[in-house]
Every structure is written in C-alpha cells, then in structure tokens.
Amino acid sequence: MKTIYKALFLFFTFSLLCVGCAKRAGKPQGLTIEEGVLLVGVEIGYPPMEYFDTDGKTLIGFDIDLAKALAQRLGLEVRFIDTAWEGILAGLDTNKYDVAVNITILPERRARYNFTVPYIDSSITIAALKGSSLRIEKPEDVAGYSVCYQGGTTAQYFTEGLIERGARFTSYSYDKILNCFDDLTLGRVDLVVVDNIVAFDYAGKDDSPFEVLWQGASDEYIGICLKKGNDALTNALDKALEELFEDGTMSRISQEIFNRDLTSSVSAPFGCSKGGGD
C-alpha cells in the first residue's frame, strides 16, 4: 500500500508540475503586473494614435494595433487604461500599468524611465485653417498670432523654446489635441503646434479644413515607456518589436492608419536598446 500511495503521490506531483510548465509555456510568468495581461496606459482622444471609433466604444488607432500585436507576440492578453496625458508617466511609478505608449524619447525622460527602441519618428508642425492668409516659413513667423498646443507634449516644449528665443505671440495650453483643432475651426486661435503624425491625420484628408504650413525635421523618436529598472519586459518588447519590423507588421499597421509608412526609418536601431541603461 505504501508503494501504491508513493506512486500516486509522485504521479500527481508530476502532473501538477506539467500543468505549471504548460502555463509558463503559454504565457510568460512575472513579466507583467497582472499575470498574463499587458496593461497599457493610453490617452484616449489622440487620433490617429488612440481614440474611439464612431460608435464611441471601440478603441482604435496606431498604438492600439501595435499594443495588440506586441501582446500577441508575448503570449499575453492586453488591456488599455485611459489616463490623462499629464499623469501618464506617473502611472508607471505607481504600477497603474506596465507600459505607456506614444511617448517621445527625451534625455530627461530616459533618466527616469526605461524605453524600448523607437517604433516611429515624428517632427513638429504648425497647422492652420486651409486658405488662411498666414505664411509660416520658419517657426519664428508665429510672432503676433495666437498659438495653441497640447500641454505636456513636445509641442509645448517647442512653443516655450520659441518664446525663450524672443518670439512674441499669445500661447494657449489645452488638455486634449481635439480641443486645439476645435478652437482653430472656431477661429479662437490662429495656429496649432503639433507633431506631424497628428497634423497629417487632421490635414491629410481631401475634405479637411486644415493645412500644414510648416514642418520641422524628423528628429523626434517615439517609444514605449516603462518603469525604471523593468529590464525584463523592456527586453521582451524590444525583441517583439524587432520581429514586427522584420515580418512587415509595422509597415502594414502604418499603411492602414496613415496611408504611408512612417516606421521603416526607425527600424535600424535594434541592438542598441534604450532600455535599462543610462
């Protein structure tokens, strides 16, 4: 009888170990705050990156498709957490979510957070109502006009830099980029400073009431931001991003969202991750 009980004990122990191994094989353990789920911080209301479809319920956009593709590569489910932009990085510090998407990689941010390699690049633009008499050949030409931007973004830093260099104009900070373009439509402001990804989504359509008057060089790189020291998930995301670039998924998502490929130019940095480093 002892031999039988011992055999049964070993059988059930082995069975439990096999179940545990199967779970680990299906979904990586210990990478995320919630087991088996990638929690993604987003600011919903920032087309074409993350926003609701016309039904007001379905979340769509470039970052949404990207996060889903990455989670699938990692064997994880994905859940999006809507967060006000000004608090999106703080949410990482308090473990509200695992990653924040659509974050411009800046030296001061890299000092405080982990970043994946970039997945898209952008540049600052200045937009106005189509057919306006405004002529903006260089950024300093905004002098004398009313200019708006979304607070806490690189557009704010750019606008403040113009003021520091002596340009004189009225500036307004908005919580949402949607409000910037709404007030531009209503004539409450003359210009919107925004990254080219958003600008061309608004101004690129044939029936758009907007146009881009000036575009800077592509010198901003956007990545996925993580809590400082979260190197395991950073490295896993880097590997998944590399695979998505190599198999054409990134280019496909870009074409579907932007009608052009905005990702290929940033696919080179693999092997020099902006992860747990400096």
Protein backbone atom coordinates (compact mmCIF):
# COMPACT_ATOMS: atom_id res chain seq x y z
CA MET A 1 0.00 0.00 0.00
CA LYS A 2 2.83 2.37 0.84
CA THR A 3 4.28 1.71 -2.60
CA ILE A 4 0.92 2.49 -4.22
CA TYR A 5 0.48 5.74 -2.23
CA LYS A 6 4.01 6.77 -3.07
CA ALA A 7 3.40 6.09 -6.75
CA LEU A 8 0.16 8.09 -6.67
CA PHE A 9 1.88 10.96 -4.86
CA LEU A 10 4.64 11.07 -7.47
CA PHE A 11 2.09 10.88 -10.27
CA PHE A 12 0.03 13.82 -9.01
CA THR A 13 3.15 15.85 -8.22
CA PHE A 14 4.45 15.27 -11.72
CA SER A 15 1.05 16.17 -13.17
CA LEU A 16 0.97 19.48 -11.29
CA LEU A 17 4.47 20.28 -12.47
CA CYS A 18 3.45 19.59 -16.05
CA VAL A 19 0.41 21.87 -15.73
CA GLY A 20 2.66 24.60 -14.35
CA CYS A 21 5.10 24.15 -17.21
CA ALA A 22 2.27 24.30 -19.73
CA LYS A 23 1.08 27.56 -18.23
CA ARG A 24 4.57 29.01 -18.36
CA ALA A 25 4.96 27.91 -21.96
CA GLY A 26 1.71 29.60 -22.94
CA LYS A 27 2.14 32.88 -21.08
CA PRO A 28 5.41 34.26 -19.72
CA GLN A 29 5.41 34.48 -15.95
CA GLY A 30 6.50 37.51 -13.94
CA LEU A 31 6.79 39.98 -16.81
CA THR A 32 3.69 42.00 -16.03
CA ILE A 33 1.88 43.45 -13.01
CA GLU A 34 -1.18 41.30 -13.62
CA GLU A 35 -0.26 37.74 -14.60
CA GLY A 36 -0.89 37.05 -18.27
CA VAL A 37 -2.06 40.60 -19.07
CA LEU A 38 -0.19 43.54 -20.57
CA LEU A 39 -1.63 46.70 -19.00
CA VAL A 40 -1.20 49.64 -21.38
CA GLY A 41 -1.57 53.28 -20.37
CA VAL A 42 -3.03 55.43 -23.15
CA GLU A 43 -4.54 58.87 -23.51
CA ILE A 44 -7.74 58.12 -25.38
CA GLY A 45 -8.67 61.04 -27.60
CA TYR A 46 -5.43 61.44 -29.54
CA PRO A 47 -6.17 60.44 -33.15
CA PRO A 48 -4.73 58.73 -35.09
CA MET A 49 -2.79 57.04 -32.28
CA GLU A 50 -5.51 56.11 -29.77
CA TYR A 51 -9.16 57.14 -29.91
CA PHE A 52 -12.71 55.83 -30.04
CA ASP A 53 -14.33 54.84 -33.32
CA THR A 54 -17.57 56.47 -34.40
CA ASP A 55 -19.54 54.09 -32.18
CA GLY A 56 -17.93 55.73 -29.14
CA LYS A 57 -16.93 52.34 -27.73
CA THR A 58 -14.38 50.65 -29.99
CA LEU A 59 -10.80 51.73 -29.29
CA ILE A 60 -8.77 52.16 -32.48
CA GLY A 61 -5.54 53.77 -33.67
CA PHE A 62 -1.91 53.02 -34.43
CA ASP A 63 -0.84 52.43 -30.81
CA ILE A 64 -3.87 50.22 -30.19
CA ASP A 65 -3.00 47.94 -33.09
CA LEU A 66 0.67 47.97 -32.09
CA ALA A 67 -0.04 47.05 -28.45
CA LYS A 68 -2.30 44.20 -29.53
CA ALA A 69 0.37 42.86 -31.88
CA LEU A 70 3.05 43.08 -29.18
CA ALA A 71 0.88 41.38 -26.58
CA GLN A 72 0.14 38.57 -29.02
CA ARG A 73 3.88 38.08 -29.62
CA LEU A 74 4.45 37.86 -25.88
CA GLY A 75 1.57 35.44 -25.34
CA LEU A 76 -0.33 37.99 -23.27
CA GLU A 77 -3.78 39.49 -23.24
CA VAL A 78 -3.93 43.27 -23.48
CA ARG A 79 -5.94 45.80 -21.51
CA PHE A 80 -5.95 49.55 -22.12
CA ILE A 81 -6.18 52.05 -19.28
CA ASP A 82 -7.30 55.56 -20.19
CA THR A 83 -5.11 58.12 -18.44
CA ALA A 84 -4.87 61.92 -18.64
CA TRP A 85 -1.71 62.85 -20.51
CA GLU A 86 -0.19 64.91 -17.70
CA GLY A 87 -0.26 61.87 -15.42
CA ILE A 88 0.63 59.11 -17.86
CA LEU A 89 4.25 58.70 -16.74
CA ALA A 90 3.33 58.93 -13.06
CA GLY A 91 1.05 55.96 -13.65
CA LEU A 92 4.13 53.85 -14.32
CA ASP A 93 5.65 54.87 -10.99
CA THR A 94 2.53 53.77 -9.11
CA ASN A 95 2.19 50.47 -11.02
CA LYS A 96 -1.09 51.52 -12.58
CA TYR A 97 0.01 49.78 -15.80
CA ASP A 98 3.06 48.06 -17.28
CA VAL A 99 3.75 50.38 -20.19
CA ALA A 100 2.79 53.76 -21.59
CA VAL A 101 2.71 54.15 -25.37
CA ASN A 102 3.28 57.08 -27.71
CA ILE A 103 5.98 58.65 -25.54
CA THR A 104 8.67 60.78 -27.17
CA ILE A 105 12.12 59.59 -26.08
CA LEU A 106 13.84 62.53 -24.40
CA PRO A 107 17.08 62.51 -22.35
CA GLU A 108 15.32 63.73 -19.22
CA ARG A 109 12.70 61.00 -19.57
CA ARG A 110 15.31 58.31 -20.19
CA ALA A 111 16.97 59.28 -16.93
CA ARG A 112 13.79 58.39 -15.04
CA TYR A 113 12.24 55.60 -17.11
CA ASN A 114 13.02 52.63 -19.33
CA PHE A 115 12.33 52.91 -23.05
CA THR A 116 12.13 50.38 -25.81
CA VAL A 117 13.78 51.06 -29.12
CA PRO A 118 11.73 53.64 -31.07
CA TYR A 119 8.88 52.42 -33.25
CA ILE A 120 8.02 55.62 -35.13
CA ASP A 121 9.53 59.04 -35.67
CA SER A 122 7.88 62.42 -35.89
CA SER A 123 8.53 66.11 -36.22
CA ILE A 124 6.89 69.31 -35.07
CA THR A 125 4.46 71.02 -37.43
CA ILE A 126 2.44 74.21 -37.43
CA ALA A 127 -1.11 73.95 -38.79
CA ALA A 128 -3.78 76.49 -39.68
CA LEU A 129 -7.16 76.70 -41.34
CA LYS A 130 -6.95 75.93 -45.04
CA GLY A 131 -6.95 79.03 -47.22
CA SER A 132 -5.82 81.38 -44.46
CA SER A 133 -3.54 84.28 -45.32
CA LEU A 134 -0.96 83.19 -42.76
CA ARG A 135 2.52 82.46 -44.06
CA ILE A 136 4.82 80.47 -41.80
CA GLU A 137 8.17 79.87 -43.49
CA LYS A 138 10.04 79.44 -40.21
CA PRO A 139 8.84 78.88 -36.62
CA GLU A 140 9.56 82.48 -35.59
CA ASP A 141 6.90 83.62 -38.07
CA VAL A 142 4.22 82.76 -35.48
CA ALA A 143 5.02 86.12 -33.86
CA GLY A 144 1.89 88.21 -33.43
CA TYR A 145 -0.52 85.27 -33.72
CA SER A 146 -2.38 83.12 -31.20
CA VAL A 147 -0.90 79.64 -30.92
CA CYS A 148 -2.19 76.57 -29.09
CA TYR A 149 -0.77 73.15 -28.24
CA GLN A 150 -1.47 70.17 -26.00
CA GLY A 151 0.16 70.64 -22.63
CA GLY A 152 2.89 68.28 -21.51
CA THR A 153 3.88 67.32 -25.05
CA THR A 154 6.93 68.15 -27.14
CA ALA A 155 4.74 70.77 -28.85
CA GLN A 156 4.70 72.67 -25.55
CA TYR A 157 8.48 72.42 -25.21
CA PHE A 158 8.87 73.65 -28.80
CA THR A 159 6.49 76.58 -28.25
CA GLU A 160 8.17 77.57 -24.99
CA GLY A 161 11.52 77.42 -26.76
CA LEU A 162 10.30 79.97 -29.31
CA ILE A 163 9.26 82.31 -26.50
CA GLU A 164 12.62 81.89 -24.80
CA ARG A 165 14.33 82.84 -28.06
CA GLY A 166 12.36 86.09 -28.20
CA ALA A 167 9.31 85.33 -30.36
CA ARG A 168 6.27 87.30 -29.18
CA PHE A 169 2.86 85.66 -29.54
CA THR A 170 -0.08 84.52 -27.43
CA SER A 171 0.01 80.85 -26.47
CA TYR A 172 -2.64 78.54 -25.03
CA SER A 173 -2.26 75.10 -23.47
CA TYR A 174 -5.05 72.54 -23.91
CA ASP A 175 -5.68 69.20 -22.22
CA LYS A 176 -6.61 67.48 -25.50
CA ILE A 177 -5.38 67.94 -29.05
CA LEU A 178 -9.02 67.62 -30.14
CA ASN A 179 -9.76 70.90 -28.35
CA CYS A 180 -6.88 72.61 -30.16
CA PHE A 181 -8.33 71.83 -33.57
CA ASP A 182 -11.87 72.60 -32.40
CA ASP A 183 -10.81 76.11 -31.38
CA LEU A 184 -8.85 76.52 -34.60
CA THR A 185 -12.03 75.70 -36.51
CA LEU A 186 -13.99 78.24 -34.44
CA GLY A 187 -11.40 80.95 -35.04
CA ARG A 188 -10.41 81.26 -31.41
CA VAL A 189 -6.76 80.60 -32.26
CA ASP A 190 -4.70 81.11 -35.40
CA LEU A 191 -2.29 78.18 -35.26
CA VAL A 192 -1.82 74.74 -33.74
CA VAL A 193 1.63 73.38 -32.90
CA VAL A 194 1.53 69.58 -33.01
CA ASP A 195 3.55 66.60 -34.17
CA ASN A 196 3.32 65.68 -37.84
CA ILE A 197 1.61 62.34 -37.17
CA VAL A 198 -1.46 64.07 -35.76
CA ALA A 199 -1.21 67.08 -38.08
CA PHE A 200 -1.38 64.99 -41.24
CA ASP A 201 -4.20 62.92 -39.85
CA TYR A 202 -6.21 66.13 -39.50
CA ALA A 203 -4.91 67.91 -42.60
CA GLY A 204 -4.24 64.98 -44.93
CA LYS A 205 -7.82 64.28 -45.94
CA ASP A 206 -9.19 65.81 -49.15
CA ASP A 207 -12.11 67.48 -47.36
CA SER A 208 -10.01 68.67 -44.40
CA PRO A 209 -10.45 72.32 -43.33
CA PHE A 210 -6.82 72.34 -42.11
CA GLU A 211 -3.41 72.59 -43.72
CA VAL A 212 0.17 72.25 -42.52
CA LEU A 213 2.07 75.50 -43.02
CA TRP A 214 5.45 74.40 -41.67
CA GLN A 215 7.12 71.10 -40.82
CA GLY A 216 10.39 70.61 -38.99
CA ALA A 217 12.95 67.87 -39.45
CA SER A 218 12.20 64.36 -38.25
CA ASP A 219 14.18 64.44 -35.04
CA GLU A 220 11.75 63.00 -32.50
CA TYR A 221 11.58 59.30 -31.80
CA ILE A 222 8.63 57.66 -30.09
CA GLY A 223 8.90 54.52 -28.00
CA ILE A 224 7.20 52.51 -25.29
CA CYS A 225 7.92 53.75 -21.79
CA LEU A 226 8.26 51.50 -18.73
CA LYS A 227 9.08 51.87 -15.06
CA LYS A 228 12.78 52.35 -14.42
CA GLY A 229 14.54 49.03 -13.93
CA ASN A 230 11.87 46.93 -15.64
CA ASP A 231 14.52 45.46 -17.92
CA ALA A 232 12.91 42.04 -18.42
CA LEU A 233 9.76 43.45 -20.03
CA THR A 234 11.76 46.12 -21.88
CA ASN A 235 13.96 43.47 -23.49
CA ALA A 236 10.98 41.26 -24.31
CA LEU A 237 9.23 44.20 -26.02
CA ASP A 238 12.40 45.09 -27.93
CA LYS A 239 12.57 41.56 -29.30
CA ALA A 240 8.87 41.60 -30.19
CA LEU A 241 9.24 44.98 -31.92
CA GLU A 242 12.18 43.67 -33.94
CA GLU A 243 10.06 40.74 -35.10
CA LEU A 244 7.19 43.06 -36.06
CA PHE A 245 9.55 45.20 -38.12
CA GLU A 246 11.11 42.19 -39.81
CA ASP A 247 7.86 40.48 -40.81
CA GLY A 248 6.30 43.70 -42.17
CA THR A 249 3.65 44.09 -39.46
CA MET A 250 4.83 47.59 -38.52
CA SER A 251 4.72 48.79 -42.11
CA ARG A 252 1.27 47.25 -42.59
CA ILE A 253 -0.18 48.93 -39.49
CA SER A 254 1.32 52.27 -40.58
CA GLN A 255 -0.15 51.98 -44.07
CA GLU A 256 -3.57 51.13 -42.65
CA ILE A 257 -3.59 54.06 -40.24
CA PHE A 258 -1.57 56.78 -42.01
CA ASN A 259 -1.75 55.68 -45.67
CA ARG A 260 2.05 55.78 -45.66
CA ASP A 261 4.95 54.07 -43.92
CA LEU A 262 6.24 56.13 -41.00
CA THR A 263 8.03 53.25 -39.33
CA SER A 264 10.73 51.94 -41.66
CA SER A 265 13.07 54.85 -40.98
CA VAL A 266 13.39 53.83 -37.32
CA SER A 267 13.91 50.09 -37.75
CA ALA A 268 17.72 50.40 -37.75
CA PRO A 269 18.42 50.98 -34.01
CA PHE A 270 17.96 47.32 -32.99
CA GLY A 271 20.86 46.13 -30.95
CA CYS A 272 21.21 49.50 -29.20
CA SER A 273 18.13 49.41 -26.96
CA LYS A 274 17.17 52.42 -24.91
CA GLY A 275 16.14 50.08 -22.11
CA GLY A 276 17.52 49.82 -18.62
CA GLY A 277 20.60 51.89 -19.40
CA ASP A 278 21.65 55.45 -18.77
